[in-house]
Amino acid sequence: MLGSGIAFLDTTVVNVALPTIGEDLDAGIASLQWVVNAYTLTLSGFLLLGGSLGDHYGRRKVFVIGVIWFAVASLLCGLAPTDEALIAARALQGIGGALLTPGSLAIIEASFRREDRGPAIGAWSGLGGVTAAIGPFLGGWLVQAASWRLIFLINLPLAVLVVWVSVRHVPESRDPGATGRLDWGGAALAAAGLAGVVYALTDGPAQGWTSPLILATGLGGVAALAGFVVWERRVAAPMLPLDIFASRQFTSANLVTFVVYGALGGSLFLLPIQLQRVVGYSPLASGVALVPVTAIMLLLSARAGRLASRIGPRLPMTVGPLLVAAGFALFTRIGPGASYLVDILPASLVYGLGLVLTVAPLTSTVLAAAPAEHAGIASAVNNDVARTAGLLAVAVLPVAAGISGADALEPARFADGFRTAMTIAAVLCAAGGVLSWLTIRNPEPEPEPEHHLSCPLSAPAPAGRRA
C-alpha cells in the first residue's frame, strides 16, 4: 500500500505545485501539461509490461525494482534545472511507477483468501487514496515552506522504507503459466501509440491541428495502437491476452474506469490552478482545502470494500460516480471570492463520498472477473485504463474547455474554462454511474455446502436403532 501510495502521492502532489513550477522555470500551460503527462505517458505505456514482468519473474522482485527506479527518477526531478529536464525526469519516473503499481494489487490478489480480498482491497484503495488525497496538502506545505523540489525528494526516504518492508515481509508470487519470451514488440507499440496521440492532443492547439508534425504524430499514434491490437492477436505469448476481455464483467468495469478516471484526471489537473490563480489561495491553502477528501477516504474506504463484498458491486459503482458527478457540479461554484464553507467544503465532501463508494468496488470487480493466474495482468490493465484515461483527459479537457494558448493562465479566462471543464467532468462521471447500472452484475452467491448424515446400505444400523 505504501509503495503504490508513493505513485499516487506523486500524481496529486505535483498538481498543487504546478503554478509555482511554471513561475520558477518560466513554463507555459503546454509545458505544465507535459510535466503531468510525461509521467502518465510512460506509466500508461509500460504498465502492461510491468504486470507481465511480475507474472514472469516474481511480483515482489519487480515491485522492489520499480520502487528503486522511482526513487532515482524522483531525485532527478528534484534536481532538474529546466522544464525540459523536469519533463524528461518525469518520464523516467513513470517507468518506475509502471513496474511497481501492478505488482501492488497482484500481491494482494495472490496472497489473500477470496473472502478477505474485498476488505484488503478496500484498505489498499483507502490508504492509497489517502496518500493521493494528502498530496495537495503536503505539496502545498512543501512549496510554501521551502521549495517545489522537495515534493520529489520526499519520495526517497519513503522508498527506502518500502524496500525494507517488502524484502522482509512480502511473500513472492508469480504466474506459473507465464512462460516464453516477453512481448517487447507489444510494449513498444503501446508506448509509441500513446505517445503519438497524446503529443498531438497536447501540442495541437499551439502548433495548429493541420501542422505536419501534429498530423504525423497523431495518425502515427493511432496506427501504432491499431497495430498493437493486431500484434497481440497474433504473437505467441502476448503481453495482453485479449481473451481476458471475454468476461463481460471485466470489460464493463474497465469501461467504467475509463470514463470515471478520465473525469478525475482532467479535473484534478485544473482544480489547484483554479484555487491559486483565480480564488487567490496560497499553495498550502489550496492543499488544505481538499483535506476533507482525505479524511473521508481514510475513515470509510475499508467499510466500502466490505459493503461491496456483502451486497455486490453494482449499487456502489452506480451511486459512487453519480455522487462524484454531483461534487464536480458543485465545483463549478468555485470562482473569485469563493467561500470555503459555502462553496468548496460541500463540493469536497460530496466528491469524497463518491470516491469512497467507487474505488474499492471497482477495483475488486476487475480483479474478481479475471482468472487468478492473470492477477498481475488484470491489475495492470485496470491501472493502465485509469492512467490512460487521465492522460488523455489532461490533454483534451483544457482544450475542450477553452483553456489553451499563451493567455490560458490569465485568471478571468481560466475561470470561465474551469466551469466548463467541471461540467464536462460531471457529465462523464454521471455517464459512468449509468454505465455501471446497465453493465455490472453482482456475482452469484456461492452455494452453501450440504451437511447431512449418510448411511450406506451395506453399513450396520446406527446404535440404538433397530435394523
Protein backbone atom coordinates (compact mmCIF):
# COMPACT_ATOMS: atom_id res chain seq x y z
CA MET A 1 0.00 0.00 0.00
CA LEU A 2 2.83 2.39 0.81
CA GLY A 3 4.61 1.59 -2.45
CA SER A 4 1.62 2.23 -4.66
CA GLY A 5 0.76 5.16 -2.41
CA ILE A 6 4.03 6.85 -3.37
CA ALA A 7 3.00 6.68 -7.01
CA PHE A 8 -0.48 8.04 -6.19
CA LEU A 9 1.03 10.73 -3.97
CA ASP A 10 3.30 11.92 -6.73
CA THR A 11 0.34 12.37 -9.06
CA THR A 12 -1.54 14.79 -6.82
CA VAL A 13 1.37 16.46 -5.05
CA VAL A 14 2.67 17.73 -8.38
CA ASN A 15 -0.67 19.29 -9.34
CA VAL A 16 -0.57 21.72 -6.42
CA ALA A 17 2.99 22.75 -7.28
CA LEU A 18 2.28 23.39 -10.98
CA PRO A 19 1.70 27.17 -10.71
CA THR A 20 4.94 27.59 -8.74
CA ILE A 21 6.88 25.32 -11.11
CA GLY A 22 5.57 27.37 -14.02
CA GLU A 23 6.78 30.62 -12.45
CA ASP A 24 10.15 29.22 -11.34
CA LEU A 25 11.00 27.54 -14.66
CA ASP A 26 9.14 30.03 -16.89
CA ALA A 27 6.84 27.30 -18.24
CA GLY A 28 3.52 27.84 -20.02
CA ILE A 29 0.35 25.77 -19.93
CA ALA A 30 1.66 23.28 -22.52
CA SER A 31 4.84 22.63 -20.50
CA LEU A 32 2.79 22.18 -17.33
CA GLN A 33 0.61 19.66 -19.16
CA TRP A 34 3.76 17.77 -20.11
CA VAL A 35 5.04 17.79 -16.51
CA VAL A 36 1.91 15.76 -15.73
CA ASN A 37 1.63 13.83 -18.98
CA ALA A 38 5.27 12.75 -19.34
CA TYR A 39 4.86 10.75 -16.14
CA THR A 40 1.44 9.40 -17.04
CA LEU A 41 2.53 8.59 -20.58
CA THR A 42 5.36 6.24 -19.65
CA LEU A 43 3.32 4.90 -16.73
CA SER A 44 0.48 4.01 -19.09
CA GLY A 45 2.73 2.79 -21.88
CA PHE A 46 4.64 0.32 -19.73
CA LEU A 47 2.06 -0.76 -17.11
CA LEU A 48 1.16 -3.90 -19.06
CA LEU A 49 4.83 -4.76 -19.41
CA GLY A 50 5.26 -4.21 -15.66
CA GLY A 51 2.41 -6.62 -14.92
CA SER A 52 3.84 -9.17 -17.35
CA LEU A 53 7.33 -8.89 -15.83
CA GLY A 54 5.87 -9.52 -12.38
CA ASP A 55 3.97 -12.59 -13.57
CA HIS A 56 7.15 -13.96 -15.20
CA TYR A 57 9.90 -13.12 -12.72
CA GLY A 58 8.14 -12.53 -9.40
CA ARG A 59 5.81 -9.74 -8.38
CA ARG A 60 7.77 -8.77 -5.28
CA LYS A 61 11.04 -8.63 -7.21
CA VAL A 62 9.67 -6.38 -9.94
CA PHE A 63 7.84 -4.28 -7.34
CA VAL A 64 11.08 -3.61 -5.45
CA ILE A 65 12.98 -2.78 -8.65
CA GLY A 66 10.20 -0.35 -9.56
CA VAL A 67 10.39 1.39 -6.19
CA ILE A 68 14.17 1.86 -6.52
CA TRP A 69 13.82 3.14 -10.10
CA PHE A 70 11.08 5.53 -8.98
CA ALA A 71 13.28 6.89 -6.19
CA VAL A 72 16.25 7.55 -8.50
CA ALA A 73 13.99 9.31 -11.01
CA SER A 74 12.48 11.37 -8.17
CA LEU A 75 15.98 12.56 -7.29
CA LEU A 76 16.48 13.67 -10.90
CA CYS A 77 13.15 15.53 -10.80
CA GLY A 78 14.18 17.34 -7.65
CA LEU A 79 17.44 18.49 -9.23
CA ALA A 80 16.03 19.43 -12.67
CA PRO A 81 17.33 22.87 -13.78
CA THR A 82 14.82 23.45 -16.62
CA ASP A 83 11.29 22.47 -17.54
CA GLU A 84 12.67 20.21 -20.31
CA ALA A 85 14.88 18.37 -17.80
CA LEU A 86 11.95 18.03 -15.39
CA ILE A 87 9.73 16.59 -18.14
CA ALA A 88 12.43 14.04 -19.07
CA ALA A 89 12.90 13.01 -15.43
CA ARG A 90 9.15 12.68 -15.00
CA ALA A 91 9.09 10.29 -17.97
CA LEU A 92 11.71 8.14 -16.23
CA GLN A 93 9.67 8.31 -13.03
CA GLY A 94 6.65 6.93 -14.88
CA ILE A 95 8.61 3.83 -15.89
CA GLY A 96 9.33 3.14 -12.22
CA GLY A 97 5.65 3.60 -11.45
CA ALA A 98 4.76 1.13 -14.21
CA LEU A 99 6.96 -1.51 -12.58
CA LEU A 100 5.68 -1.08 -9.03
CA THR A 101 1.96 -0.28 -9.46
CA PRO A 102 0.58 -3.54 -10.94
CA GLY A 103 2.63 -5.63 -8.51
CA SER A 104 0.97 -3.95 -5.54
CA LEU A 105 -2.55 -5.20 -6.31
CA ALA A 106 -1.37 -8.50 -7.76
CA ILE A 107 0.44 -9.31 -4.50
CA ILE A 108 -2.78 -8.70 -2.56
CA GLU A 109 -4.83 -10.78 -5.00
CA ALA A 110 -2.36 -13.68 -4.81
CA SER A 111 -1.85 -13.56 -1.02
CA PHE A 112 -5.37 -13.26 0.42
CA ARG A 113 -8.25 -15.71 0.53
CA ARG A 114 -11.22 -14.78 -1.63
CA GLU A 115 -13.41 -13.75 1.28
CA ASP A 116 -10.67 -11.45 2.62
CA ARG A 117 -9.82 -9.73 -0.66
CA GLY A 118 -12.67 -7.20 -0.54
CA PRO A 119 -11.61 -5.69 2.80
CA ALA A 120 -7.93 -5.94 1.79
CA ILE A 121 -8.51 -4.11 -1.47
CA GLY A 122 -10.71 -1.63 0.38
CA ALA A 123 -7.82 -0.92 2.77
CA TRP A 124 -5.44 -0.69 -0.21
CA SER A 125 -7.65 1.78 -2.07
CA GLY A 126 -8.38 3.71 1.12
CA LEU A 127 -4.79 4.22 2.22
CA GLY A 128 -3.65 4.62 -1.38
CA GLY A 129 -6.39 7.18 -1.83
CA VAL A 130 -5.32 8.91 1.37
CA THR A 131 -1.76 9.29 0.07
CA ALA A 132 -3.19 10.67 -3.15
CA ALA A 133 -5.54 12.99 -1.30
CA ILE A 134 -2.92 14.15 1.20
CA GLY A 135 -0.72 15.10 -1.74
CA PRO A 136 -2.30 18.54 -2.20
CA PHE A 137 -1.78 19.39 1.49
CA LEU A 138 1.78 18.02 1.58
CA GLY A 139 2.68 19.59 -1.74
CA GLY A 140 1.28 22.97 -0.75
CA TRP A 141 3.14 22.93 2.55
CA LEU A 142 6.47 21.95 0.98
CA VAL A 143 6.14 24.51 -1.81
CA GLN A 144 5.26 27.31 0.57
CA ALA A 145 7.68 26.39 3.35
CA ALA A 146 10.71 25.52 1.24
CA SER A 147 10.70 24.59 -2.46
CA TRP A 148 8.70 22.65 -5.03
CA ARG A 149 11.75 20.42 -5.43
CA LEU A 150 11.02 18.77 -2.07
CA ILE A 151 7.81 17.24 -3.44
CA PHE A 152 10.05 14.86 -5.37
CA LEU A 153 12.85 14.44 -2.82
CA ILE A 154 10.33 13.36 -0.15
CA ASN A 155 9.97 10.11 -2.08
CA LEU A 156 13.50 8.96 -1.22
CA PRO A 157 13.05 8.07 2.50
CA LEU A 158 9.62 6.57 1.75
CA ALA A 159 11.16 4.35 -0.94
CA VAL A 160 13.82 3.10 1.49
CA LEU A 161 11.08 2.06 3.94
CA VAL A 162 9.06 0.32 1.19
CA VAL A 163 12.07 -1.71 0.02
CA TRP A 164 12.95 -2.77 3.57
CA VAL A 165 9.40 -3.90 4.43
CA SER A 166 8.98 -5.66 1.07
CA VAL A 167 12.17 -7.68 1.37
CA ARG A 168 11.41 -8.72 4.96
CA HIS A 169 7.67 -9.34 4.93
CA VAL A 170 6.08 -9.53 1.47
CA PRO A 171 5.66 -13.05 0.01
CA GLU A 172 6.86 -13.71 -3.52
CA SER A 173 4.35 -14.86 -6.13
CA ARG A 174 4.29 -15.38 -9.88
CA ASP A 175 2.09 -16.84 -12.59
CA PRO A 176 3.17 -20.49 -13.12
CA GLY A 177 1.74 -20.36 -16.62
CA ALA A 178 3.81 -17.32 -17.64
CA THR A 179 6.46 -18.89 -19.84
CA GLY A 180 8.21 -17.95 -23.05
CA ARG A 181 9.60 -14.63 -24.23
CA LEU A 182 8.31 -11.28 -23.07
CA ASP A 183 6.25 -9.29 -25.52
CA TRP A 184 8.65 -6.42 -26.19
CA GLY A 185 7.01 -5.67 -29.54
CA GLY A 186 3.64 -5.13 -27.89
CA ALA A 187 5.19 -2.88 -25.25
CA ALA A 188 6.88 -0.75 -27.92
CA LEU A 189 3.68 -0.38 -29.97
CA ALA A 190 1.61 0.57 -26.91
CA ALA A 191 4.11 3.19 -25.74
CA ALA A 192 4.58 4.64 -29.24
CA GLY A 193 0.84 4.77 -29.87
CA LEU A 194 0.06 6.60 -26.64
CA ALA A 195 3.00 8.98 -27.12
CA GLY A 196 1.88 9.96 -30.60
CA VAL A 197 -1.76 10.54 -29.71
CA VAL A 198 -1.02 12.47 -26.52
CA TYR A 199 1.63 14.65 -28.16
CA ALA A 200 -0.80 15.61 -30.91
CA LEU A 201 -3.61 16.38 -28.44
CA THR A 202 -1.36 18.37 -26.10
CA ASP A 203 0.59 20.47 -28.64
CA GLY A 204 -2.12 20.64 -31.32
CA PRO A 205 -3.68 23.89 -30.03
CA ALA A 206 -0.32 25.70 -30.06
CA GLN A 207 1.09 24.34 -33.34
CA GLY A 208 -2.19 24.06 -35.23
CA TRP A 209 -4.17 20.91 -35.89
CA THR A 210 -3.07 20.89 -39.55
CA SER A 211 0.63 21.12 -38.71
CA PRO A 212 2.55 18.30 -40.46
CA LEU A 213 4.18 17.29 -37.17
CA ILE A 214 0.84 17.13 -35.33
CA LEU A 215 -0.81 15.17 -38.13
CA ALA A 216 2.12 12.77 -38.41
CA THR A 217 2.36 12.05 -34.66
CA GLY A 218 -1.40 11.80 -34.20
CA LEU A 219 -2.05 9.48 -37.12
CA GLY A 220 1.11 7.53 -36.34
CA GLY A 221 -0.06 7.04 -32.77
CA VAL A 222 -3.46 5.77 -33.88
CA ALA A 223 -1.78 3.39 -36.35
CA ALA A 224 0.54 2.09 -33.62
CA LEU A 225 -2.37 1.43 -31.26
CA ALA A 226 -4.23 -0.44 -34.02
CA GLY A 227 -1.03 -2.37 -34.71
CA PHE A 228 -0.81 -3.22 -31.02
CA VAL A 229 -4.23 -4.94 -31.14
CA VAL A 230 -3.26 -6.89 -34.27
CA TRP A 231 0.10 -7.84 -32.76
CA GLU A 232 -1.46 -9.09 -29.53
CA ARG A 233 -3.84 -11.31 -31.51
CA ARG A 234 -1.00 -12.98 -33.41
CA VAL A 235 2.01 -13.16 -31.07
CA ALA A 236 2.55 -16.48 -29.31
CA ALA A 237 2.90 -15.03 -25.79
CA PRO A 238 1.00 -11.70 -25.78
CA MET A 239 1.62 -9.09 -23.13
CA LEU A 240 -2.15 -8.53 -23.09
CA PRO A 241 -4.10 -11.78 -23.60
CA LEU A 242 -7.14 -10.41 -25.41
CA ASP A 243 -9.28 -13.31 -24.21
CA ILE A 244 -9.28 -11.65 -20.79
CA PHE A 245 -11.88 -9.28 -22.27
CA ALA A 246 -14.21 -12.21 -22.95
CA SER A 247 -15.50 -11.59 -19.42
CA ARG A 248 -18.30 -9.05 -19.73
CA GLN A 249 -17.79 -8.03 -16.12
CA PHE A 250 -14.09 -7.33 -16.69
CA THR A 251 -14.72 -5.34 -19.86
CA SER A 252 -17.59 -3.36 -18.33
CA ALA A 253 -15.61 -2.47 -15.20
CA ASN A 254 -12.75 -1.19 -17.33
CA LEU A 255 -15.12 0.92 -19.42
CA VAL A 256 -16.44 2.48 -16.22
CA THR A 257 -12.84 3.02 -15.10
CA PHE A 258 -12.01 4.83 -18.33
CA VAL A 259 -14.96 7.21 -18.10
CA VAL A 260 -14.69 7.99 -14.37
CA TYR A 261 -10.91 8.24 -14.11
CA GLY A 262 -10.79 10.40 -17.22
CA ALA A 263 -13.02 12.90 -15.48
CA LEU A 264 -10.95 12.68 -12.28
CA GLY A 265 -7.58 13.09 -14.00
CA GLY A 266 -8.55 16.09 -16.09
CA SER A 267 -10.34 17.94 -13.31
CA LEU A 268 -7.68 17.38 -10.65
CA PHE A 269 -5.12 18.88 -13.03
CA LEU A 270 -7.17 22.09 -13.22
CA LEU A 271 -8.51 22.41 -9.65
CA PRO A 272 -5.27 23.51 -7.88
CA ILE A 273 -4.59 26.09 -10.60
CA GLN A 274 -8.14 27.46 -10.15
CA LEU A 275 -7.73 27.72 -6.39
CA GLN A 276 -4.37 29.51 -6.66
CA ARG A 277 -4.73 31.63 -9.80
CA VAL A 278 -8.41 32.58 -9.54
CA VAL A 279 -9.50 32.27 -5.90
CA GLY A 280 -6.14 33.57 -4.64
CA TYR A 281 -5.21 30.69 -2.32
CA SER A 282 -1.61 30.01 -1.40
CA PRO A 283 -0.19 26.58 -2.34
CA LEU A 284 -0.69 25.43 1.26
CA ALA A 285 -4.26 26.73 1.46
CA SER A 286 -5.18 25.05 -1.82
CA GLY A 287 -3.87 21.77 -0.42
CA VAL A 288 -5.68 22.15 2.90
CA ALA A 289 -8.92 22.81 1.01
CA LEU A 290 -9.07 19.14 -0.04
CA VAL A 291 -8.20 17.61 3.36
CA PRO A 292 -11.85 16.53 3.92
CA VAL A 293 -11.47 14.16 0.98
CA THR A 294 -8.50 12.58 2.77
CA ALA A 295 -10.46 12.14 6.00
CA ILE A 296 -13.45 10.57 4.26
CA MET A 297 -11.31 8.07 2.35
CA LEU A 298 -9.33 7.14 5.46
CA LEU A 299 -12.45 6.52 7.52
CA LEU A 300 -14.73 4.85 5.01
CA SER A 301 -12.77 3.06 2.24
CA ALA A 302 -12.32 -0.26 4.04
CA ARG A 303 -16.00 -0.19 5.03
CA ALA A 304 -16.93 0.46 1.41
CA GLY A 305 -14.93 -2.60 0.41
CA ARG A 306 -16.81 -4.73 2.96
CA LEU A 307 -20.15 -3.30 1.85
CA ALA A 308 -19.43 -4.16 -1.78
CA SER A 309 -18.42 -7.68 -0.75
CA ARG A 310 -21.73 -8.11 1.08
CA ILE A 311 -24.24 -6.54 -1.32
CA GLY A 312 -22.30 -6.76 -4.59
CA PRO A 313 -20.56 -4.01 -6.57
CA ARG A 314 -23.41 -2.88 -8.82
CA LEU A 315 -25.12 -0.42 -6.47
CA PRO A 316 -21.95 1.20 -5.04
CA MET A 317 -20.46 1.53 -8.55
CA THR A 318 -23.66 3.26 -9.67
CA VAL A 319 -24.16 5.62 -6.74
CA GLY A 320 -20.45 6.44 -6.36
CA PRO A 321 -19.88 8.02 -9.79
CA LEU A 322 -23.20 9.87 -9.51
CA LEU A 323 -22.01 11.42 -6.24
CA VAL A 324 -18.66 12.32 -7.82
CA ALA A 325 -20.62 13.97 -10.64
CA ALA A 326 -22.59 15.98 -8.07
CA GLY A 327 -19.30 17.02 -6.48
CA PHE A 328 -17.99 18.26 -9.82
CA ALA A 329 -21.22 20.17 -10.39
CA LEU A 330 -20.66 21.89 -7.05
CA PHE A 331 -17.06 22.68 -8.03
CA THR A 332 -18.43 24.95 -10.77
CA ARG A 333 -19.32 27.41 -8.00
CA ILE A 334 -15.65 27.93 -7.17
CA GLY A 335 -14.56 31.29 -8.56
CA PRO A 336 -13.27 34.71 -7.49
CA GLY A 337 -14.24 35.38 -3.87
CA ALA A 338 -15.46 31.81 -3.30
CA SER A 339 -16.26 30.91 0.31
CA TYR A 340 -14.63 27.78 1.68
CA LEU A 341 -17.57 26.81 3.91
CA VAL A 342 -20.26 27.54 1.30
CA ASP A 343 -18.60 26.64 -2.00
CA ILE A 344 -15.52 24.43 -1.54
CA LEU A 345 -16.24 22.27 1.52
CA PRO A 346 -19.64 20.91 0.40
CA ALA A 347 -18.21 20.02 -3.01
CA SER A 348 -15.23 18.25 -1.40
CA LEU A 349 -17.47 16.22 0.94
CA VAL A 350 -19.79 15.02 -1.84
CA TYR A 351 -16.81 14.30 -4.09
CA GLY A 352 -15.04 12.30 -1.35
CA LEU A 353 -18.11 10.19 -0.57
CA GLY A 354 -18.44 9.38 -4.25
CA LEU A 355 -14.81 8.30 -4.48
CA VAL A 356 -15.18 6.02 -1.45
CA LEU A 357 -18.14 4.22 -3.00
CA THR A 358 -16.45 3.92 -6.39
CA VAL A 359 -12.79 2.97 -5.99
CA ALA A 360 -12.76 -0.19 -3.85
CA PRO A 361 -15.78 -1.92 -5.51
CA LEU A 362 -14.45 -1.07 -8.96
CA THR A 363 -11.02 -2.48 -8.21
CA SER A 364 -12.41 -5.62 -6.57
CA THR A 365 -14.74 -6.21 -9.53
CA VAL A 366 -11.92 -6.03 -12.06
CA LEU A 367 -9.71 -8.47 -10.16
CA ALA A 368 -12.54 -10.88 -9.34
CA ALA A 369 -13.59 -11.04 -13.00
CA ALA A 370 -10.16 -12.26 -14.14
CA PRO A 371 -8.69 -15.73 -13.52
CA ALA A 372 -6.33 -15.86 -10.52
CA GLU A 373 -3.35 -16.68 -12.73
CA HIS A 374 -3.92 -13.40 -14.57
CA ALA A 375 -3.96 -11.28 -11.39
CA GLY A 376 -0.91 -9.32 -12.47
CA ILE A 377 -2.13 -8.54 -15.95
CA ALA A 378 -5.67 -7.78 -14.75
CA SER A 379 -4.31 -5.27 -12.25
CA ALA A 380 -2.05 -3.79 -14.92
CA VAL A 381 -4.90 -3.50 -17.43
CA ASN A 382 -7.14 -1.66 -14.96
CA ASN A 383 -4.34 0.65 -13.84
CA ASP A 384 -3.44 1.24 -17.47
CA VAL A 385 -7.03 2.10 -18.37
CA ALA A 386 -7.22 4.55 -15.46
CA ARG A 387 -3.88 6.21 -16.28
CA THR A 388 -4.58 6.38 -20.00
CA ALA A 389 -7.95 7.98 -19.31
CA GLY A 390 -6.31 10.59 -17.10
CA LEU A 391 -3.54 11.10 -19.64
CA LEU A 392 -5.98 11.80 -22.45
CA ALA A 393 -8.16 13.97 -20.22
CA VAL A 394 -5.26 16.23 -19.18
CA ALA A 395 -4.51 16.69 -22.88
CA VAL A 396 -8.11 17.10 -24.07
CA LEU A 397 -10.16 18.63 -21.24
CA PRO A 398 -8.34 22.01 -21.11
CA VAL A 399 -8.70 22.36 -24.89
CA ALA A 400 -12.37 21.35 -24.82
CA ALA A 401 -12.98 23.90 -22.06
CA GLY A 402 -11.15 26.69 -23.90
CA ILE A 403 -8.04 26.66 -21.69
CA SER A 404 -5.19 26.81 -24.20
CA GLY A 405 -2.79 29.29 -25.77
CA ALA A 406 -0.41 31.86 -24.35
CA ASP A 407 -3.02 33.60 -22.16
CA ALA A 408 -4.63 30.39 -20.85
CA LEU A 409 -3.49 31.06 -17.28
CA GLU A 410 -4.99 34.56 -17.19
CA PRO A 411 -7.42 34.38 -14.22
CA ALA A 412 -10.65 35.51 -15.89
CA ARG A 413 -10.20 33.25 -18.91
CA PHE A 414 -9.09 30.30 -16.79
CA ALA A 415 -12.13 30.69 -14.50
CA ASP A 416 -14.53 30.52 -17.44
CA GLY A 417 -12.80 27.44 -18.81
CA PHE A 418 -12.73 25.80 -15.37
CA ARG A 419 -16.51 25.96 -15.04
CA THR A 420 -16.89 24.37 -18.46
CA ALA A 421 -14.34 21.67 -17.58
CA MET A 422 -16.14 20.79 -14.32
CA THR A 423 -19.42 20.50 -16.20
CA ILE A 424 -17.85 18.11 -18.70
CA ALA A 425 -16.32 16.08 -15.86
CA ALA A 426 -19.71 15.88 -14.11
CA VAL A 427 -21.37 14.57 -17.26
CA LEU A 428 -18.65 11.94 -17.72
CA CYS A 429 -18.95 10.68 -14.14
CA ALA A 430 -22.74 10.54 -14.36
CA ALA A 431 -22.37 8.51 -17.54
CA GLY A 432 -20.05 6.17 -15.63
CA GLY A 433 -22.72 5.61 -12.99
CA VAL A 434 -25.37 4.84 -15.60
CA LEU A 435 -22.95 2.50 -17.39
CA SER A 436 -22.33 0.63 -14.13
CA TRP A 437 -26.05 0.11 -13.56
CA LEU A 438 -26.53 -1.19 -17.08
CA THR A 439 -23.49 -3.48 -17.34
CA ILE A 440 -22.18 -4.53 -13.91
CA ARG A 441 -23.69 -7.63 -12.35
CA ASN A 442 -23.37 -8.87 -8.79
CA PRO A 443 -21.63 -12.25 -8.55
CA GLU A 444 -23.74 -15.31 -7.92
CA PRO A 445 -23.57 -16.39 -4.27
CA GLU A 446 -21.54 -19.50 -3.65
CA PRO A 447 -23.75 -22.48 -2.71
CA GLU A 448 -23.64 -23.49 0.91
CA PRO A 449 -22.06 -26.90 1.45
CA GLU A 450 -24.60 -29.55 2.36
CA HIS A 451 -24.20 -31.14 5.76
CA HIS A 452 -26.16 -34.37 6.27
CA LEU A 453 -25.60 -37.86 7.57
CA SER A 454 -25.47 -40.66 5.07
CA CYS A 455 -25.64 -44.32 5.74
CA PRO A 456 -24.57 -46.73 3.02
CA LEU A 457 -26.99 -49.60 2.55
CA SER A 458 -24.35 -52.13 3.47
CA ALA A 459 -23.42 -50.34 6.70
CA PRO A 460 -24.67 -51.58 10.07
CA ALA A 461 -27.60 -49.73 11.62
CA PRO A 462 -26.73 -46.84 13.94
CA ALA A 463 -26.51 -47.79 17.57
CA GLY A 464 -29.76 -47.53 19.49
CA ARG A 465 -31.92 -48.25 16.44
CA ARG A 466 -33.46 -51.47 15.26
CA ALA A 467 -32.41 -52.61 11.85
